All heavy atoms as atom14 arrays in JSON, in Angstrom:
{
  "sequence": "NDVNMLEGLSLLGLKRTDEIILFYSKNASHLTMDLHKELESVQAKR",
  "atom14_mask": [
    [1, 1, 1, 1, 1, 1, 1, 1, 0, 0, 0, 0, 0, 0],
    [1, 1, 1, 1, 1, 1, 1, 1, 0, 0, 0, 0, 0, 0],
    [1, 1, 1, 1, 1, 1, 1, 0, 0, 0, 0, 0, 0, 0],
    [1, 1, 1, 1, 1, 1, 1, 1, 0, 0, 0, 0, 0, 0],
    [1, 1, 1, 1, 1, 1, 1, 1, 0, 0, 0, 0, 0, 0],
    [1, 1, 1, 1, 1, 1, 1, 1, 0, 0, 0, 0, 0, 0],
    [1, 1, 1, 1, 1, 1, 1, 1, 1, 0, 0, 0, 0, 0],
    [1, 1, 1, 1, 0, 0, 0, 0, 0, 0, 0, 0, 0, 0],
    [1, 1, 1, 1, 1, 1, 1, 1, 0, 0, 0, 0, 0, 0],
    [1, 1, 1, 1, 1, 1, 0, 0, 0, 0, 0, 0, 0, 0],
    [1, 1, 1, 1, 1, 1, 1, 1, 0, 0, 0, 0, 0, 0],
    [1, 1, 1, 1, 1, 1, 1, 1, 0, 0, 0, 0, 0, 0],
    [1, 1, 1, 1, 0, 0, 0, 0, 0, 0, 0, 0, 0, 0],
    [1, 1, 1, 1, 1, 1, 1, 1, 0, 0, 0, 0, 0, 0],
    [1, 1, 1, 1, 1, 1, 1, 1, 1, 0, 0, 0, 0, 0],
    [1, 1, 1, 1, 1, 1, 1, 1, 1, 1, 1, 0, 0, 0],
    [1, 1, 1, 1, 1, 1, 1, 0, 0, 0, 0, 0, 0, 0],
    [1, 1, 1, 1, 1, 1, 1, 1, 0, 0, 0, 0, 0, 0],
    [1, 1, 1, 1, 1, 1, 1, 1, 1, 0, 0, 0, 0, 0],
    [1, 1, 1, 1, 1, 1, 1, 1, 0, 0, 0, 0, 0, 0],
    [1, 1, 1, 1, 1, 1, 1, 1, 0, 0, 0, 0, 0, 0],
    [1, 1, 1, 1, 1, 1, 1, 1, 0, 0, 0, 0, 0, 0],
    [1, 1, 1, 1, 1, 1, 1, 1, 1, 1, 1, 0, 0, 0],
    [1, 1, 1, 1, 1, 1, 1, 1, 1, 1, 1, 1, 0, 0],
    [1, 1, 1, 1, 1, 1, 0, 0, 0, 0, 0, 0, 0, 0],
    [1, 1, 1, 1, 1, 1, 1, 1, 1, 0, 0, 0, 0, 0],
    [1, 1, 1, 1, 1, 1, 1, 1, 0, 0, 0, 0, 0, 0],
    [1, 1, 1, 1, 1, 0, 0, 0, 0, 0, 0, 0, 0, 0],
    [1, 1, 1, 1, 1, 1, 0, 0, 0, 0, 0, 0, 0, 0],
    [1, 1, 1, 1, 1, 1, 1, 1, 1, 1, 0, 0, 0, 0],
    [1, 1, 1, 1, 1, 1, 1, 1, 0, 0, 0, 0, 0, 0],
    [1, 1, 1, 1, 1, 1, 1, 0, 0, 0, 0, 0, 0, 0],
    [1, 1, 1, 1, 1, 1, 1, 1, 0, 0, 0, 0, 0, 0],
    [1, 1, 1, 1, 1, 1, 1, 1, 0, 0, 0, 0, 0, 0],
    [1, 1, 1, 1, 1, 1, 1, 1, 0, 0, 0, 0, 0, 0],
    [1, 1, 1, 1, 1, 1, 1, 1, 1, 1, 0, 0, 0, 0],
    [1, 1, 1, 1, 1, 1, 1, 1, 1, 0, 0, 0, 0, 0],
    [1, 1, 1, 1, 1, 1, 1, 1, 1, 0, 0, 0, 0, 0],
    [1, 1, 1, 1, 1, 1, 1, 1, 0, 0, 0, 0, 0, 0],
    [1, 1, 1, 1, 1, 1, 1, 1, 1, 0, 0, 0, 0, 0],
    [1, 1, 1, 1, 1, 1, 0, 0, 0, 0, 0, 0, 0, 0],
    [1, 1, 1, 1, 1, 1, 1, 0, 0, 0, 0, 0, 0, 0],
    [1, 1, 1, 1, 1, 1, 1, 1, 1, 0, 0, 0, 0, 0],
    [1, 1, 1, 1, 1, 0, 0, 0, 0, 0, 0, 0, 0, 0],
    [1, 1, 1, 1, 1, 1, 1, 1, 1, 0, 0, 0, 0, 0],
    [1, 1, 1, 1, 1, 1, 1, 1, 1, 1, 1, 0, 0, 0]
  ],
  "atom14_positions": [
    [[0.81, -1.2, 0.05], [0.02, 0.03, 0.06], [0.84, 1.25, -0.07], [2.08, 1.14, 0.24], [-0.94, 0.03, 1.23], [-2.17, -0.86, 1.04], [-2.94, -0.68, 0.23], [-2.18, -1.93, 1.83], [0.0, 0.0, 0.0], [0.0, 0.0, 0.0], [0.0, 0.0, 0.0], [0.0, 0.0, 0.0], [0.0, 0.0, 0.0], [0.0, 0.0, 0.0]],
    [[0.24, 2.27, -0.29], [0.96, 3.57, -0.17], [0.62, 4.38, 1.07], [-0.2, 3.87, 1.81], [0.69, 4.43, -1.49], [-0.74, 4.74, -1.73], [-1.53, 5.03, -0.63], [-1.18, 4.78, -2.78], [0.0, 0.0, 0.0], [0.0, 0.0, 0.0], [0.0, 0.0, 0.0], [0.0, 0.0, 0.0], [0.0, 0.0, 0.0], [0.0, 0.0, 0.0]],
    [[1.12, 5.46, 1.32], [1.02, 6.27, 2.52], [-0.51, 6.64, 2.74], [-0.96, 6.75, 3.8], [1.81, 7.47, 2.44], [1.63, 8.31, 3.74], [3.31, 7.15, 2.26], [0.0, 0.0, 0.0], [0.0, 0.0, 0.0], [0.0, 0.0, 0.0], [0.0, 0.0, 0.0], [0.0, 0.0, 0.0], [0.0, 0.0, 0.0], [0.0, 0.0, 0.0]],
    [[-1.22, 6.81, 1.6], [-2.55, 7.26, 1.64], [-3.72, 6.15, 2.01], [-4.85, 6.46, 2.1], [-3.04, 7.91, 0.3], [-2.15, 9.07, -0.03], [-1.81, 9.84, 0.96], [-1.83, 9.31, -1.23], [0.0, 0.0, 0.0], [0.0, 0.0, 0.0], [0.0, 0.0, 0.0], [0.0, 0.0, 0.0], [0.0, 0.0, 0.0], [0.0, 0.0, 0.0]],
    [[-3.14, 4.97, 2.08], [-4.2, 3.9, 2.31], [-4.96, 3.96, 3.59], [-6.11, 3.52, 3.71], [-3.5, 2.49, 2.34], [-2.53, 2.28, 3.52], [-2.05, 0.63, 3.57], [-1.76, 0.63, 5.32], [0.0, 0.0, 0.0], [0.0, 0.0, 0.0], [0.0, 0.0, 0.0], [0.0, 0.0, 0.0], [0.0, 0.0, 0.0], [0.0, 0.0, 0.0]],
    [[-4.39, 4.65, 4.64], [-5.12, 4.84, 5.9], [-5.7, 6.27, 6.01], [-6.15, 6.59, 7.12], [-4.12, 4.54, 7.02], [-3.66, 3.08, 7.17], [-2.63, 2.98, 8.25], [-4.79, 2.18, 7.35], [0.0, 0.0, 0.0], [0.0, 0.0, 0.0], [0.0, 0.0, 0.0], [0.0, 0.0, 0.0], [0.0, 0.0, 0.0], [0.0, 0.0, 0.0]],
    [[-5.64, 7.0, 4.98], [-6.11, 8.39, 4.96], [-7.63, 8.4, 5.39], [-8.42, 7.61, 4.9], [-6.07, 9.0, 3.54], [-6.21, 10.47, 3.56], [-5.9, 10.98, 2.17], [-4.76, 11.27, 1.97], [-6.8, 11.1, 1.33], [0.0, 0.0, 0.0], [0.0, 0.0, 0.0], [0.0, 0.0, 0.0], [0.0, 0.0, 0.0], [0.0, 0.0, 0.0]],
    [[-8.03, 9.25, 6.26], [-9.33, 9.35, 6.71], [-9.76, 8.39, 7.85], [-10.96, 8.24, 8.16], [0.0, 0.0, 0.0], [0.0, 0.0, 0.0], [0.0, 0.0, 0.0], [0.0, 0.0, 0.0], [0.0, 0.0, 0.0], [0.0, 0.0, 0.0], [0.0, 0.0, 0.0], [0.0, 0.0, 0.0], [0.0, 0.0, 0.0], [0.0, 0.0, 0.0]],
    [[-8.84, 7.71, 8.31], [-9.08, 6.64, 9.39], [-9.85, 7.23, 10.46], [-10.75, 6.66, 10.95], [-7.68, 6.05, 9.87], [-7.77, 5.14, 10.93], [-8.36, 3.85, 10.54], [-6.41, 4.84, 11.38], [0.0, 0.0, 0.0], [0.0, 0.0, 0.0], [0.0, 0.0, 0.0], [0.0, 0.0, 0.0], [0.0, 0.0, 0.0], [0.0, 0.0, 0.0]],
    [[-9.49, 8.43, 10.94], [-10.17, 9.02, 12.07], [-11.65, 9.41, 11.81], [-12.37, 9.66, 12.75], [-9.35, 10.2, 12.56], [-9.25, 11.17, 11.65], [0.0, 0.0, 0.0], [0.0, 0.0, 0.0], [0.0, 0.0, 0.0], [0.0, 0.0, 0.0], [0.0, 0.0, 0.0], [0.0, 0.0, 0.0], [0.0, 0.0, 0.0], [0.0, 0.0, 0.0]],
    [[-11.89, 9.51, 10.54], [-13.33, 9.9, 10.13], [-14.21, 8.76, 10.06], [-15.5, 8.94, 9.86], [-13.28, 10.63, 8.78], [-12.45, 11.87, 8.71], [-12.35, 12.4, 7.29], [-12.88, 12.93, 9.71], [0.0, 0.0, 0.0], [0.0, 0.0, 0.0], [0.0, 0.0, 0.0], [0.0, 0.0, 0.0], [0.0, 0.0, 0.0], [0.0, 0.0, 0.0]],
    [[-13.88, 7.52, 10.28], [-14.64, 6.33, 10.03], [-15.5, 6.04, 11.2], [-16.42, 5.12, 11.01], [-13.71, 5.06, 9.69], [-12.99, 5.13, 8.47], [-12.1, 3.9, 8.28], [-13.92, 5.32, 7.26], [0.0, 0.0, 0.0], [0.0, 0.0, 0.0], [0.0, 0.0, 0.0], [0.0, 0.0, 0.0], [0.0, 0.0, 0.0], [0.0, 0.0, 0.0]],
    [[-15.28, 6.71, 12.38], [-16.15, 6.34, 13.5], [-15.93, 4.95, 14.08], [-16.83, 4.29, 14.44], [0.0, 0.0, 0.0], [0.0, 0.0, 0.0], [0.0, 0.0, 0.0], [0.0, 0.0, 0.0], [0.0, 0.0, 0.0], [0.0, 0.0, 0.0], [0.0, 0.0, 0.0], [0.0, 0.0, 0.0], [0.0, 0.0, 0.0], [0.0, 0.0, 0.0]],
    [[-14.67, 4.47, 14.07], [-14.46, 3.14, 14.56], [-14.7, 2.98, 16.1], [-14.38, 4.02, 16.7], [-13.02, 2.67, 14.21], [-12.74, 2.57, 12.69], [-11.34, 2.12, 12.45], [-13.72, 1.56, 11.93], [0.0, 0.0, 0.0], [0.0, 0.0, 0.0], [0.0, 0.0, 0.0], [0.0, 0.0, 0.0], [0.0, 0.0, 0.0], [0.0, 0.0, 0.0]],
    [[-15.17, 1.95, 16.5], [-15.58, 1.79, 17.88], [-14.45, 0.87, 18.56], [-13.65, 0.29, 17.95], [-16.87, 1.14, 18.07], [-18.01, 1.9, 17.36], [-18.24, 3.09, 18.06], [-19.57, 3.87, 17.38], [-19.41, 5.26, 17.37], [0.0, 0.0, 0.0], [0.0, 0.0, 0.0], [0.0, 0.0, 0.0], [0.0, 0.0, 0.0], [0.0, 0.0, 0.0]],
    [[-14.58, 0.71, 19.95], [-13.67, -0.2, 20.68], [-13.83, -1.62, 20.21], [-12.9, -2.4, 20.46], [-13.92, 0.01, 22.09], [-13.58, 1.32, 22.69], [-13.88, 1.33, 24.28], [-13.87, 2.64, 24.82], [-12.85, 3.43, 25.04], [-11.64, 3.02, 24.82], [-12.99, 4.6, 25.55], [0.0, 0.0, 0.0], [0.0, 0.0, 0.0], [0.0, 0.0, 0.0]],
    [[-14.92, -1.98, 19.55], [-15.19, -3.35, 19.23], [-14.55, -3.66, 17.88], [-14.47, -4.78, 17.45], [-16.6, -3.65, 19.21], [-17.32, -2.67, 18.29], [-17.23, -3.64, 20.48], [0.0, 0.0, 0.0], [0.0, 0.0, 0.0], [0.0, 0.0, 0.0], [0.0, 0.0, 0.0], [0.0, 0.0, 0.0], [0.0, 0.0, 0.0], [0.0, 0.0, 0.0]],
    [[-14.07, -2.6, 17.17], [-13.35, -2.77, 15.97], [-11.98, -2.96, 16.1], [-11.35, -2.64, 17.14], [-13.54, -1.51, 14.98], [-15.1, -1.26, 14.64], [-15.84, -2.21, 14.4], [-15.49, -0.04, 14.63], [0.0, 0.0, 0.0], [0.0, 0.0, 0.0], [0.0, 0.0, 0.0], [0.0, 0.0, 0.0], [0.0, 0.0, 0.0], [0.0, 0.0, 0.0]],
    [[-11.26, -3.53, 15.05], [-9.85, -3.83, 15.15], [-9.11, -3.38, 13.98], [-9.57, -3.61, 12.88], [-9.63, -5.36, 15.47], [-10.17, -5.93, 16.68], [-10.01, -7.36, 16.79], [-8.86, -7.9, 16.74], [-10.96, -8.12, 17.08], [0.0, 0.0, 0.0], [0.0, 0.0, 0.0], [0.0, 0.0, 0.0], [0.0, 0.0, 0.0], [0.0, 0.0, 0.0]],
    [[-7.84, -2.96, 14.16], [-6.92, -2.61, 13.09], [-5.75, -3.47, 13.29], [-5.09, -3.31, 14.28], [-6.57, -1.11, 13.11], [-7.79, -0.24, 12.89], [-5.47, -0.86, 12.01], [-7.58, 1.18, 13.08], [0.0, 0.0, 0.0], [0.0, 0.0, 0.0], [0.0, 0.0, 0.0], [0.0, 0.0, 0.0], [0.0, 0.0, 0.0], [0.0, 0.0, 0.0]],
    [[-5.5, -4.4, 12.31], [-4.26, -5.21, 12.54], [-3.42, -4.85, 11.28], [-3.77, -5.16, 10.2], [-4.64, -6.7, 12.47], [-5.69, -6.94, 13.6], [-3.49, -7.66, 12.69], [-6.45, -8.3, 13.55], [0.0, 0.0, 0.0], [0.0, 0.0, 0.0], [0.0, 0.0, 0.0], [0.0, 0.0, 0.0], [0.0, 0.0, 0.0], [0.0, 0.0, 0.0]],
    [[-2.25, -4.28, 11.59], [-1.29, -3.81, 10.47], [-0.19, -4.81, 10.37], [0.62, -4.9, 11.32], [-0.81, -2.44, 10.89], [-0.22, -1.62, 9.79], [-0.65, -0.13, 9.83], [1.26, -1.8, 9.85], [0.0, 0.0, 0.0], [0.0, 0.0, 0.0], [0.0, 0.0, 0.0], [0.0, 0.0, 0.0], [0.0, 0.0, 0.0], [0.0, 0.0, 0.0]],
    [[-0.07, -5.46, 9.24], [1.0, -6.32, 8.87], [2.07, -5.51, 8.16], [1.82, -4.88, 7.18], [0.55, -7.6, 8.05], [-0.31, -8.54, 8.77], [-1.63, -8.27, 9.08], [0.3, -9.68, 9.25], [-2.38, -9.26, 9.68], [-0.5, -10.58, 9.96], [-1.81, -10.34, 10.2], [0.0, 0.0, 0.0], [0.0, 0.0, 0.0], [0.0, 0.0, 0.0]],
    [[3.28, -5.57, 8.7], [4.37, -4.84, 8.07], [5.6, -5.77, 7.93], [5.61, -6.75, 8.51], [4.74, -3.6, 8.83], [5.34, -3.8, 10.12], [6.65, -3.84, 10.36], [4.51, -4.05, 11.27], [7.19, -4.09, 11.7], [5.02, -4.3, 12.58], [6.4, -4.26, 12.73], [6.94, -4.5, 13.98], [0.0, 0.0, 0.0], [0.0, 0.0, 0.0]],
    [[6.53, -5.31, 7.21], [7.8, -6.12, 7.16], [8.93, -5.14, 6.99], [8.79, -3.93, 7.07], [7.78, -6.88, 5.77], [7.83, -5.98, 4.6], [0.0, 0.0, 0.0], [0.0, 0.0, 0.0], [0.0, 0.0, 0.0], [0.0, 0.0, 0.0], [0.0, 0.0, 0.0], [0.0, 0.0, 0.0], [0.0, 0.0, 0.0], [0.0, 0.0, 0.0]],
    [[10.16, -5.63, 6.92], [11.38, -4.8, 6.88], [11.35, -3.91, 5.49], [11.87, -2.87, 5.51], [12.62, -5.58, 6.91], [12.82, -6.18, 8.23], [14.01, -7.05, 8.33], [14.09, -7.54, 9.74], [15.19, -8.42, 10.08], [0.0, 0.0, 0.0], [0.0, 0.0, 0.0], [0.0, 0.0, 0.0], [0.0, 0.0, 0.0], [0.0, 0.0, 0.0]],
    [[10.52, -4.44, 4.59], [10.34, -3.68, 3.25], [9.41, -2.5, 3.51], [9.52, -1.46, 2.72], [9.78, -4.48, 2.2], [10.64, -5.61, 1.76], [11.89, -5.54, 1.96], [10.07, -6.76, 1.31], [0.0, 0.0, 0.0], [0.0, 0.0, 0.0], [0.0, 0.0, 0.0], [0.0, 0.0, 0.0], [0.0, 0.0, 0.0], [0.0, 0.0, 0.0]],
    [[8.6, -2.49, 4.43], [7.67, -1.35, 4.78], [7.47, -1.43, 6.33], [6.54, -1.94, 6.73], [6.39, -1.59, 4.08], [0.0, 0.0, 0.0], [0.0, 0.0, 0.0], [0.0, 0.0, 0.0], [0.0, 0.0, 0.0], [0.0, 0.0, 0.0], [0.0, 0.0, 0.0], [0.0, 0.0, 0.0], [0.0, 0.0, 0.0], [0.0, 0.0, 0.0]],
    [[8.32, -0.66, 6.95], [8.24, -0.68, 8.44], [8.27, 0.74, 9.04], [8.43, 0.97, 10.32], [9.41, -1.4, 9.04], [10.56, -0.82, 8.67], [0.0, 0.0, 0.0], [0.0, 0.0, 0.0], [0.0, 0.0, 0.0], [0.0, 0.0, 0.0], [0.0, 0.0, 0.0], [0.0, 0.0, 0.0], [0.0, 0.0, 0.0], [0.0, 0.0, 0.0]],
    [[7.92, 1.79, 8.29], [7.89, 3.23, 8.85], [6.58, 3.88, 8.69], [5.92, 3.65, 7.63], [9.03, 3.87, 8.06], [10.39, 3.52, 8.33], [10.97, 2.47, 7.45], [11.28, 3.84, 9.19], [12.12, 2.26, 7.96], [12.35, 3.0, 8.94], [0.0, 0.0, 0.0], [0.0, 0.0, 0.0], [0.0, 0.0, 0.0], [0.0, 0.0, 0.0]],
    [[6.13, 4.52, 9.64], [4.96, 5.34, 9.64], [5.3, 6.73, 9.68], [6.26, 7.24, 10.36], [3.99, 5.03, 10.92], [3.54, 3.67, 11.01], [2.78, 3.55, 12.38], [2.51, 3.32, 9.96], [0.0, 0.0, 0.0], [0.0, 0.0, 0.0], [0.0, 0.0, 0.0], [0.0, 0.0, 0.0], [0.0, 0.0, 0.0], [0.0, 0.0, 0.0]],
    [[4.59, 7.65, 9.01], [4.82, 9.03, 9.14], [4.25, 9.41, 10.56], [3.43, 8.84, 11.1], [4.1, 9.87, 8.03], [2.62, 9.66, 8.14], [4.49, 9.39, 6.64], [0.0, 0.0, 0.0], [0.0, 0.0, 0.0], [0.0, 0.0, 0.0], [0.0, 0.0, 0.0], [0.0, 0.0, 0.0], [0.0, 0.0, 0.0], [0.0, 0.0, 0.0]],
    [[4.73, 10.58, 10.99], [4.06, 11.19, 12.2], [2.55, 11.33, 12.12], [1.87, 11.07, 13.06], [4.86, 12.4, 12.62], [4.46, 12.79, 14.03], [4.68, 11.62, 15.34], [6.32, 11.62, 15.52], [0.0, 0.0, 0.0], [0.0, 0.0, 0.0], [0.0, 0.0, 0.0], [0.0, 0.0, 0.0], [0.0, 0.0, 0.0], [0.0, 0.0, 0.0]],
    [[2.18, 11.84, 10.93], [0.74, 12.17, 10.74], [-0.11, 10.87, 10.8], [-1.08, 10.77, 11.53], [0.51, 12.83, 9.44], [0.81, 14.26, 9.46], [1.06, 14.9, 10.52], [1.11, 14.87, 8.34], [0.0, 0.0, 0.0], [0.0, 0.0, 0.0], [0.0, 0.0, 0.0], [0.0, 0.0, 0.0], [0.0, 0.0, 0.0], [0.0, 0.0, 0.0]],
    [[0.44, 9.76, 10.21], [-0.24, 8.5, 10.19], [-0.18, 7.91, 11.66], [-1.25, 7.43, 12.15], [0.31, 7.53, 9.25], [-0.33, 6.14, 9.16], [-1.8, 6.25, 8.9], [0.38, 5.31, 8.0], [0.0, 0.0, 0.0], [0.0, 0.0, 0.0], [0.0, 0.0, 0.0], [0.0, 0.0, 0.0], [0.0, 0.0, 0.0], [0.0, 0.0, 0.0]],
    [[0.86, 8.05, 12.34], [0.93, 7.63, 13.73], [-0.12, 8.35, 14.61], [-0.84, 7.54, 15.3], [2.31, 7.79, 14.23], [2.49, 7.57, 15.68], [2.35, 6.31, 16.28], [2.53, 8.39, 16.85], [2.44, 6.33, 17.6], [2.66, 7.68, 17.91], [0.0, 0.0, 0.0], [0.0, 0.0, 0.0], [0.0, 0.0, 0.0], [0.0, 0.0, 0.0]],
    [[-0.22, 9.56, 14.48], [-1.21, 10.3, 15.28], [-2.66, 9.94, 14.93], [-3.42, 9.78, 15.72], [-1.06, 11.83, 14.9], [0.14, 12.47, 15.56], [0.11, 13.99, 15.28], [1.4, 14.68, 15.36], [1.42, 16.06, 14.82], [0.0, 0.0, 0.0], [0.0, 0.0, 0.0], [0.0, 0.0, 0.0], [0.0, 0.0, 0.0], [0.0, 0.0, 0.0]],
    [[-2.91, 9.72, 13.65], [-4.23, 9.29, 13.22], [-4.55, 7.88, 13.79], [-5.64, 7.68, 14.28], [-4.44, 9.31, 11.68], [-5.79, 9.12, 11.28], [-6.04, 9.81, 9.89], [-5.2, 10.17, 9.17], [-7.28, 9.86, 9.62], [0.0, 0.0, 0.0], [0.0, 0.0, 0.0], [0.0, 0.0, 0.0], [0.0, 0.0, 0.0], [0.0, 0.0, 0.0]],
    [[-3.56, 6.98, 13.74], [-3.93, 5.69, 14.34], [-4.12, 5.78, 15.95], [-4.96, 5.13, 16.35], [-2.67, 4.81, 14.03], [-2.58, 4.03, 12.72], [-1.14, 3.57, 12.48], [-3.54, 3.04, 12.57], [0.0, 0.0, 0.0], [0.0, 0.0, 0.0], [0.0, 0.0, 0.0], [0.0, 0.0, 0.0], [0.0, 0.0, 0.0], [0.0, 0.0, 0.0]],
    [[-3.34, 6.59, 16.53], [-3.54, 6.72, 17.94], [-4.89, 7.51, 18.3], [-5.43, 7.35, 19.41], [-2.35, 7.54, 18.57], [-1.1, 6.73, 18.54], [-1.12, 5.47, 19.3], [-1.7, 5.54, 20.5], [-0.82, 4.44, 18.92], [0.0, 0.0, 0.0], [0.0, 0.0, 0.0], [0.0, 0.0, 0.0], [0.0, 0.0, 0.0], [0.0, 0.0, 0.0]],
    [[-5.52, 8.16, 17.32], [-6.74, 8.92, 17.64], [-8.03, 8.07, 17.58], [-9.09, 8.49, 18.11], [-6.87, 10.01, 16.69], [-7.2, 9.62, 15.4], [0.0, 0.0, 0.0], [0.0, 0.0, 0.0], [0.0, 0.0, 0.0], [0.0, 0.0, 0.0], [0.0, 0.0, 0.0], [0.0, 0.0, 0.0], [0.0, 0.0, 0.0], [0.0, 0.0, 0.0]],
    [[-7.96, 6.82, 17.01], [-9.14, 6.03, 16.96], [-9.26, 5.23, 18.13], [-8.39, 4.77, 18.71], [-9.09, 5.12, 15.65], [-9.14, 6.03, 14.35], [-7.96, 4.2, 15.6], [0.0, 0.0, 0.0], [0.0, 0.0, 0.0], [0.0, 0.0, 0.0], [0.0, 0.0, 0.0], [0.0, 0.0, 0.0], [0.0, 0.0, 0.0], [0.0, 0.0, 0.0]],
    [[-10.61, 4.85, 18.33], [-10.92, 3.94, 19.47], [-10.66, 2.47, 19.27], [-10.51, 1.71, 20.15], [-12.42, 4.15, 19.87], [-12.69, 5.46, 20.43], [-14.11, 5.55, 20.85], [-14.79, 4.59, 21.25], [-14.69, 6.7, 20.88], [0.0, 0.0, 0.0], [0.0, 0.0, 0.0], [0.0, 0.0, 0.0], [0.0, 0.0, 0.0], [0.0, 0.0, 0.0]],
    [[-10.57, 2.12, 17.94], [-10.36, 0.69, 17.68], [-9.15, 0.05, 18.28], [-8.09, 0.77, 18.55], [-10.35, 0.44, 16.15], [0.0, 0.0, 0.0], [0.0, 0.0, 0.0], [0.0, 0.0, 0.0], [0.0, 0.0, 0.0], [0.0, 0.0, 0.0], [0.0, 0.0, 0.0], [0.0, 0.0, 0.0], [0.0, 0.0, 0.0], [0.0, 0.0, 0.0]],
    [[-9.14, -1.23, 18.53], [-7.95, -1.91, 19.09], [-7.04, -1.93, 17.89], [-7.37, -2.02, 16.69], [-8.34, -3.42, 19.41], [-9.32, -3.49, 20.49], [-9.77, -4.93, 20.72], [-10.9, -5.07, 21.47], [-11.56, -6.42, 21.45], [0.0, 0.0, 0.0], [0.0, 0.0, 0.0], [0.0, 0.0, 0.0], [0.0, 0.0, 0.0], [0.0, 0.0, 0.0]],
    [[-5.71, -1.82, 18.19], [-4.64, -1.78, 17.21], [-3.63, -2.85, 17.54], [-3.2, -2.99, 18.72], [-3.99, -0.4, 17.19], [-4.88, 0.67, 16.7], [-4.3, 2.1, 16.9], [-3.86, 2.42, 18.28], [-4.64, 2.82, 19.18], [-6.04, 2.92, 19.03], [-4.28, 3.13, 20.49], [0.0, 0.0, 0.0], [0.0, 0.0, 0.0], [0.0, 0.0, 0.0]]
  ]
}
């Protein structure tokens, strides 16, 4: 995926019962600070 794949994540209204499971590898193991903040802002389990 590209950096924009999680764009708008905080607008989805995810709940505590929802889950985000992010599979990464050494080929793709970096998050931008904006994406990190957006992931931290949602209620879903990560």
